[in-house]
Amino acid sequence: MNDLFEKTLALMEQQRLAGVYSGYIGSFLEHGHFQRKVSGWAATVPNKEKLTADYLFDVASLTKVIGTTSVILRLLDRHELQLDDPVIRFLPQYADKRVTIRHLLTHTSDIQTWIEHRDQLAADELKKAYLQQQASSKIGQRVSYTDTGFILLGLLLEAIYQAPLADIFQKEVFEPLGMIHTSLGSPKGSLVVPTEQINGQVLRGTVHDPKARILGEHAGNAGLFSNVADLEAFVWMYAHGGEGYISREVLQATQQDQTPNRKGKRGIGWQLVGPTHTMLFHTGYTGTFLLIDCDQQSGLIFLSNRVHPIDERQAYITHRDQLVACYLSEKEKSEE
């Protein structure tokens, strides 16, 4: 395994043994190839199952960058939309004419997200409710991460393509990148890492995020199932100049601060991190994250089952941040 990231690997295993998660996959891109570490259990309830690289994960909010953002980038490349286009250009039924695509991609819309009885609504009712969500007077002034923006972007893409988002992702993302195991809404296959145990039932092959579970094949915020091999194909594309999938110009735009005041450290869909130069970063609620260094052609894919069988989010965030910091520290030293 990769000696460059010995401390990061040790920390992953330490966190597993401490019960932060019972299984994980870490895939490191360095020097032109990926190296994987697979450890622990895919499931512990009701029975233990050994984790292998073939398992599909509910990657939660990684859907935002793998699916929704990727399609937006393709449309930007084709000049079929612009970041400062108002959402109502494509979704005339949307309630707030001030909100732009840039606001949604950078989480600067400051949209109010409360929907009464949200998790009890049918898909069409939930869509209508999101189309009524309006920005506050602080629109464009601050970053406030929300699922609502990417749910609206998903509806916007469906209006453009006149197709369900699951089909759009298949055509515009999964097929071009060879992501043959990846899907939105329901997994391709039975080897699926379970998530939370709710009311005595373990969620498996069912989307963890309640909003995306209702929206199904129309959810732009979460609901993607994927495995490490497909995510390696996705990261490879970013780390190698777009690989003909998107132009270098658009790829560079993802690495630049696109918030209205240029102070929010958000690119197109991605969070921008890194002590010495910009890297792309995104997390998923279920215990996943991606880190990509487009300049150094490197990256890290992390997949875990941290919500199985119990969701202890706050404790996990602390451990995740330690893991990211450890990786960035080792990476910086390797580049000296």
Protein backbone atom coordinates (compact mmCIF):
# COMPACT_ATOMS: atom_id res chain seq x y z
CA MET A 1 0.00 0.00 0.00
CA ASN A 2 0.99 3.65 -0.46
CA ASP A 3 3.81 4.64 1.92
CA LEU A 4 3.12 8.32 1.17
CA PHE A 5 -0.06 8.20 3.23
CA GLU A 6 0.95 5.86 6.01
CA LYS A 7 -0.50 8.10 8.73
CA THR A 8 -3.79 8.59 6.87
CA LEU A 9 -4.18 4.84 6.40
CA ALA A 10 -3.35 4.21 10.05
CA LEU A 11 -5.93 6.80 11.11
CA MET A 12 -8.62 5.19 8.94
CA GLU A 13 -7.97 1.85 10.60
CA GLN A 14 -7.79 3.42 14.04
CA GLN A 15 -11.18 5.06 13.52
CA ARG A 16 -12.66 1.76 12.34
CA LEU A 17 -11.39 -0.07 15.40
CA ALA A 18 -12.77 2.72 17.61
CA GLY A 19 -16.24 2.17 16.12
CA VAL A 20 -16.53 5.38 14.11
CA TYR A 21 -17.47 3.11 11.20
CA SER A 22 -17.25 -0.66 10.88
CA GLY A 23 -16.03 -0.72 7.29
CA TYR A 24 -14.34 1.60 4.81
CA ILE A 25 -12.62 1.87 1.45
CA GLY A 26 -9.86 4.41 0.85
CA SER A 27 -8.62 4.84 -2.72
CA PHE A 28 -5.59 7.08 -3.26
CA LEU A 29 -4.72 8.47 -6.70
CA GLU A 30 -1.01 9.22 -6.92
CA HIS A 31 1.62 8.86 -9.69
CA GLY A 32 -0.90 7.79 -12.30
CA HIS A 33 -2.68 4.98 -10.54
CA PHE A 34 -5.06 4.21 -7.70
CA GLN A 35 -4.21 2.20 -4.62
CA ARG A 36 -7.05 0.89 -2.47
CA LYS A 37 -7.42 -0.12 1.13
CA VAL A 38 -10.55 -2.12 1.97
CA SER A 39 -11.16 -2.97 5.61
CA GLY A 40 -13.88 -4.17 7.95
CA TRP A 41 -17.53 -5.00 7.52
CA ALA A 42 -20.12 -3.92 4.97
CA ALA A 43 -22.83 -4.78 7.50
CA THR A 44 -23.01 -5.64 11.18
CA VAL A 45 -26.82 -5.84 11.57
CA PRO A 46 -28.57 -8.23 11.38
CA ASN A 47 -25.51 -10.26 10.31
CA LYS A 48 -21.86 -9.45 9.68
CA GLU A 49 -20.76 -9.22 6.04
CA LYS A 50 -17.16 -8.67 4.99
CA LEU A 51 -16.69 -5.52 2.93
CA THR A 52 -15.20 -5.90 -0.56
CA ALA A 53 -14.52 -3.39 -3.33
CA ASP A 54 -17.57 -4.65 -5.25
CA TYR A 55 -20.08 -3.24 -2.75
CA LEU A 56 -22.25 -0.30 -3.74
CA PHE A 57 -22.53 2.64 -1.34
CA ASP A 58 -25.30 5.19 -0.95
CA VAL A 59 -22.98 8.16 -1.51
CA ALA A 60 -25.56 10.74 -0.36
CA SER A 61 -24.55 14.33 -1.22
CA LEU A 62 -21.74 13.23 -3.52
CA THR A 63 -24.71 13.06 -5.91
CA LYS A 64 -24.48 16.85 -6.06
CA VAL A 65 -21.04 16.85 -7.70
CA ILE A 66 -21.02 13.48 -9.49
CA GLY A 67 -24.45 13.89 -11.03
CA THR A 68 -25.99 17.35 -10.97
CA THR A 69 -22.79 19.42 -11.22
CA SER A 70 -21.39 17.23 -14.00
CA VAL A 71 -24.44 17.83 -16.18
CA ILE A 72 -24.28 21.57 -15.48
CA LEU A 73 -20.61 21.60 -16.54
CA ARG A 74 -21.50 19.89 -19.81
CA LEU A 75 -24.20 22.49 -20.48
CA LEU A 76 -21.76 25.30 -19.69
CA ASP A 77 -19.31 23.77 -22.15
CA ARG A 78 -21.99 23.76 -24.84
CA HIS A 79 -23.00 27.36 -24.00
CA GLU A 80 -26.55 26.17 -23.35
CA LEU A 81 -26.66 28.00 -20.03
CA GLN A 82 -24.60 30.48 -18.02
CA LEU A 83 -23.91 30.68 -14.30
CA ASP A 84 -25.73 33.98 -13.94
CA ASP A 85 -28.86 32.86 -15.75
CA PRO A 86 -31.91 33.22 -13.49
CA VAL A 87 -33.49 29.91 -12.56
CA ILE A 88 -36.83 31.12 -13.96
CA ARG A 89 -35.30 31.12 -17.47
CA PHE A 90 -35.63 27.34 -17.38
CA LEU A 91 -38.14 26.92 -14.54
CA PRO A 92 -40.69 29.73 -15.08
CA GLN A 93 -42.88 28.27 -12.32
CA TYR A 94 -40.16 28.92 -9.72
CA ALA A 95 -41.24 31.55 -7.19
CA ASP A 96 -38.12 33.75 -6.91
CA LYS A 97 -36.84 35.59 -9.98
CA ARG A 98 -33.70 36.79 -8.12
CA VAL A 99 -32.12 33.35 -7.78
CA THR A 100 -29.49 32.36 -10.34
CA ILE A 101 -27.80 29.09 -11.21
CA ARG A 102 -24.63 30.50 -9.60
CA HIS A 103 -26.48 31.02 -6.31
CA LEU A 104 -27.64 27.40 -6.27
CA LEU A 105 -24.29 25.88 -7.25
CA THR A 106 -22.38 27.87 -4.63
CA HIS A 107 -24.97 27.61 -1.83
CA THR A 108 -25.33 31.40 -1.70
CA SER A 109 -29.08 31.65 -2.38
CA ASP A 110 -29.91 31.65 1.36
CA ILE A 111 -33.15 29.92 0.42
CA GLN A 112 -35.48 29.16 3.29
CA THR A 113 -35.73 25.38 3.57
CA TRP A 114 -38.63 24.68 5.95
CA ILE A 115 -41.41 22.60 4.39
CA GLU A 116 -44.22 21.50 6.67
CA HIS A 117 -44.75 17.71 6.81
CA ARG A 118 -41.94 17.40 4.24
CA ASP A 119 -41.20 13.72 4.75
CA GLN A 120 -44.87 12.77 4.45
CA LEU A 121 -45.44 14.41 1.06
CA ALA A 122 -45.71 12.60 -2.27
CA ALA A 123 -43.07 13.34 -4.91
CA ASP A 124 -45.22 15.78 -6.91
CA GLU A 125 -46.26 17.61 -3.74
CA LEU A 126 -42.64 17.90 -2.63
CA LYS A 127 -41.56 19.26 -6.02
CA LYS A 128 -44.27 21.92 -5.87
CA ALA A 129 -43.20 22.86 -2.35
CA TYR A 130 -39.58 23.33 -3.44
CA LEU A 131 -40.65 25.52 -6.33
CA GLN A 132 -42.14 27.90 -3.73
CA GLN A 133 -38.96 28.18 -1.64
CA GLN A 134 -37.60 31.73 -1.80
CA ALA A 135 -34.29 33.37 -0.99
CA SER A 136 -33.85 35.76 1.92
CA SER A 137 -32.65 39.35 1.77
CA LYS A 138 -29.11 38.00 2.25
CA ILE A 139 -29.05 36.33 -1.15
CA GLY A 140 -25.51 36.24 -2.55
CA GLN A 141 -23.88 37.45 0.66
CA ARG A 142 -22.92 34.23 2.42
CA VAL A 143 -22.51 30.50 1.95
CA SER A 144 -25.23 28.47 3.64
CA TYR A 145 -25.11 24.83 2.57
CA THR A 146 -28.50 23.40 1.68
CA ASP A 147 -30.01 20.51 -0.25
CA THR A 148 -32.73 22.77 -1.64
CA GLY A 149 -30.46 24.41 -4.21
CA PHE A 150 -29.51 21.11 -5.79
CA ILE A 151 -33.06 19.80 -5.70
CA LEU A 152 -34.01 22.90 -7.70
CA LEU A 153 -31.08 22.34 -10.06
CA GLY A 154 -32.32 18.80 -10.62
CA LEU A 155 -35.77 20.13 -11.53
CA LEU A 156 -34.12 22.70 -13.81
CA LEU A 157 -32.19 19.96 -15.64
CA GLU A 158 -35.37 17.94 -16.07
CA ALA A 159 -37.02 21.01 -17.63
CA ILE A 160 -34.12 21.40 -20.07
CA TYR A 161 -33.87 17.74 -21.06
CA GLN A 162 -37.55 16.85 -20.66
CA ALA A 163 -36.50 13.60 -18.98
CA PRO A 164 -36.14 12.18 -15.46
CA LEU A 165 -32.88 13.11 -13.77
CA ALA A 166 -31.88 9.44 -13.48
CA ASP A 167 -31.96 9.16 -17.29
CA ILE A 168 -30.06 12.44 -17.70
CA PHE A 169 -27.31 11.23 -15.37
CA GLN A 170 -27.11 7.94 -17.26
CA LYS A 171 -26.73 9.69 -20.62
CA GLU A 172 -24.54 12.62 -19.61
CA VAL A 173 -22.39 11.18 -16.82
CA PHE A 174 -22.39 7.43 -16.27
CA GLU A 175 -22.18 6.27 -19.90
CA PRO A 176 -19.48 8.74 -21.05
CA LEU A 177 -17.32 7.98 -18.00
CA GLY A 178 -17.87 4.22 -18.04
CA MET A 179 -19.55 4.24 -14.62
CA ILE A 180 -21.45 1.02 -15.30
CA HIS A 181 -22.40 0.29 -11.69
CA THR A 182 -23.75 3.75 -10.77
CA SER A 183 -27.41 4.75 -10.67
CA LEU A 184 -29.80 7.24 -9.10
CA GLY A 185 -32.64 6.17 -6.83
CA SER A 186 -32.12 2.42 -6.75
CA PRO A 187 -28.91 0.37 -6.90
CA LYS A 188 -27.73 -1.83 -9.77
CA GLY A 189 -27.26 -5.14 -7.98
CA SER A 190 -27.70 -6.69 -4.55
CA LEU A 191 -24.24 -6.05 -3.05
CA VAL A 192 -25.20 -2.84 -1.27
CA VAL A 193 -23.81 -1.45 1.96
CA PRO A 194 -26.73 -0.88 4.37
CA THR A 195 -27.26 2.40 6.18
CA GLU A 196 -29.37 3.22 9.20
CA GLN A 197 -31.62 0.99 11.27
CA ILE A 198 -34.96 2.80 11.60
CA ASN A 199 -37.89 1.34 13.53
CA GLY A 200 -36.14 -2.00 13.61
CA GLN A 201 -35.60 -2.08 9.84
CA VAL A 202 -32.17 -1.67 8.27
CA LEU A 203 -32.19 0.51 5.14
CA ARG A 204 -30.53 -1.39 2.31
CA GLY A 205 -30.88 -0.46 -1.32
CA THR A 206 -33.19 2.32 -0.17
CA VAL A 207 -31.98 5.92 -0.31
CA HIS A 208 -31.00 7.21 3.14
CA ASP A 209 -31.85 10.88 2.59
CA PRO A 210 -35.62 11.27 3.18
CA LYS A 211 -36.09 13.99 0.56
CA ALA A 212 -34.24 12.06 -2.13
CA ARG A 213 -36.09 8.90 -1.10
CA ILE A 214 -39.38 10.62 -1.93
CA LEU A 215 -38.14 12.28 -5.12
CA GLY A 216 -36.55 9.06 -6.38
CA GLU A 217 -35.28 9.41 -9.96
CA HIS A 218 -35.82 13.19 -9.76
CA ALA A 219 -33.47 13.99 -6.84
CA GLY A 220 -30.54 16.30 -7.59
CA ASN A 221 -29.21 16.40 -4.03
CA ALA A 222 -28.70 12.74 -3.03
CA GLY A 223 -29.68 9.18 -3.90
CA LEU A 224 -26.75 7.97 -5.97
CA PHE A 225 -25.45 4.43 -5.51
CA SER A 226 -21.91 3.76 -6.71
CA ASN A 227 -18.81 1.67 -6.05
CA VAL A 228 -15.15 2.54 -5.74
CA ALA A 229 -14.24 1.55 -9.32
CA ASP A 230 -16.81 3.94 -10.80
CA LEU A 231 -15.74 6.73 -8.46
CA GLU A 232 -12.14 6.17 -9.55
CA ALA A 233 -13.24 6.75 -13.15
CA PHE A 234 -14.92 9.99 -12.07
CA VAL A 235 -11.93 11.26 -10.08
CA TRP A 236 -9.53 10.26 -12.87
CA MET A 237 -11.42 12.49 -15.30
CA TYR A 238 -11.07 15.53 -13.03
CA ALA A 239 -7.42 14.80 -12.27
CA HIS A 240 -6.54 14.51 -15.96
CA GLY A 241 -7.81 17.74 -17.43
CA GLY A 242 -11.37 16.67 -18.11
CA GLU A 243 -10.28 13.77 -20.36
CA GLY A 244 -12.43 15.06 -23.22
CA TYR A 245 -15.50 14.92 -21.00
CA ILE A 246 -15.39 18.61 -20.09
CA SER A 247 -13.06 21.31 -21.41
CA ARG A 248 -10.03 22.51 -19.48
CA GLU A 249 -11.60 25.97 -19.36
CA VAL A 250 -14.69 24.69 -17.56
CA LEU A 251 -12.57 22.43 -15.36
CA GLN A 252 -10.52 25.46 -14.30
CA ALA A 253 -13.73 27.33 -13.49
CA THR A 254 -14.66 24.61 -11.00
CA GLN A 255 -11.42 25.39 -9.14
CA GLN A 256 -12.09 29.13 -8.88
CA ASP A 257 -14.23 30.84 -6.25
CA GLN A 258 -17.58 31.31 -7.97
CA THR A 259 -19.48 32.87 -5.06
CA PRO A 260 -20.89 36.33 -5.87
CA ASN A 261 -18.37 38.11 -3.59
CA ARG A 262 -15.53 35.66 -4.42
CA LYS A 263 -14.96 35.07 -0.70
CA GLY A 264 -16.95 31.88 -0.10
CA LYS A 265 -14.43 29.22 -1.17
CA ARG A 266 -16.99 27.48 -3.34
CA GLY A 267 -16.35 26.55 -6.95
CA ILE A 268 -18.97 25.16 -9.32
CA GLY A 269 -20.63 22.65 -7.01
CA TRP A 270 -17.46 21.97 -5.02
CA GLN A 271 -15.93 23.30 -1.82
CA LEU A 272 -12.39 24.63 -2.35
CA VAL A 273 -9.76 23.53 0.17
CA GLY A 274 -6.00 23.12 0.49
CA PRO A 275 -3.15 24.75 2.38
CA THR A 276 -0.95 25.60 -0.63
CA HIS A 277 -3.17 25.32 -3.70
CA THR A 278 -6.80 24.64 -4.52
CA MET A 279 -8.31 21.18 -4.22
CA LEU A 280 -11.90 20.13 -4.80
CA PHE A 281 -13.75 18.66 -1.82
CA HIS A 282 -17.22 17.29 -1.17
CA THR A 283 -18.75 15.11 1.50
CA GLY A 284 -21.70 12.75 1.74
CA TYR A 285 -23.84 12.39 4.86
CA THR A 286 -23.54 8.60 4.93
CA GLY A 287 -19.77 8.72 5.52
CA THR A 288 -18.22 9.48 2.14
CA PHE A 289 -16.01 12.17 0.68
CA LEU A 290 -13.96 13.06 -2.38
CA LEU A 291 -10.79 15.16 -2.50
CA ILE A 292 -9.30 15.96 -5.91
CA ASP A 293 -6.12 17.85 -6.75
CA CYS A 294 -6.46 18.67 -10.44
CA ASP A 295 -3.05 20.38 -10.58
CA GLN A 296 -1.13 17.45 -9.07
CA GLN A 297 -3.31 14.75 -10.70
CA SER A 298 -4.05 13.16 -7.36
CA GLY A 299 -6.96 12.55 -5.03
CA LEU A 300 -8.64 10.53 -2.33
CA ILE A 301 -11.92 8.63 -2.38
CA PHE A 302 -13.29 7.66 1.02
CA LEU A 303 -16.32 5.43 1.50
CA SER A 304 -17.60 4.22 4.85
CA ASN A 305 -20.76 2.84 6.43
CA ARG A 306 -20.70 5.30 9.33
CA VAL A 307 -24.52 5.57 9.64
CA HIS A 308 -24.87 1.78 10.00
CA PRO A 309 -26.60 0.84 12.15
CA ILE A 310 -26.76 4.12 14.12
CA ASP A 311 -26.25 7.70 12.93
CA GLU A 312 -23.83 9.54 15.23
CA ARG A 313 -23.17 12.49 12.97
CA GLN A 314 -21.46 15.02 15.22
CA ALA A 315 -18.83 12.58 16.45
CA TYR A 316 -18.18 11.43 12.88
CA ILE A 317 -17.65 14.97 11.57
CA THR A 318 -14.83 15.48 14.07
CA HIS A 319 -13.18 12.23 12.98
CA ARG A 320 -13.71 13.00 9.29
CA ASP A 321 -12.09 16.41 9.64
CA GLN A 322 -9.11 14.78 11.35
CA LEU A 323 -8.82 12.34 8.47
CA VAL A 324 -8.93 15.09 5.85
CA ALA A 325 -6.36 17.17 7.75
CA CYS A 326 -4.05 14.16 8.06
CA TYR A 327 -4.26 13.44 4.33
CA LEU A 328 -3.64 17.07 3.37
CA SER A 329 -0.66 17.25 5.72
CA GLU A 330 0.94 14.12 4.30
CA LYS A 331 0.19 15.28 0.77
CA GLU A 332 1.83 18.66 1.38
CA LYS A 333 4.96 16.99 2.76
CA SER A 334 5.15 14.66 -0.23
CA GLU A 335 5.20 17.68 -2.57
CA GLU A 336 8.05 19.49 -0.79
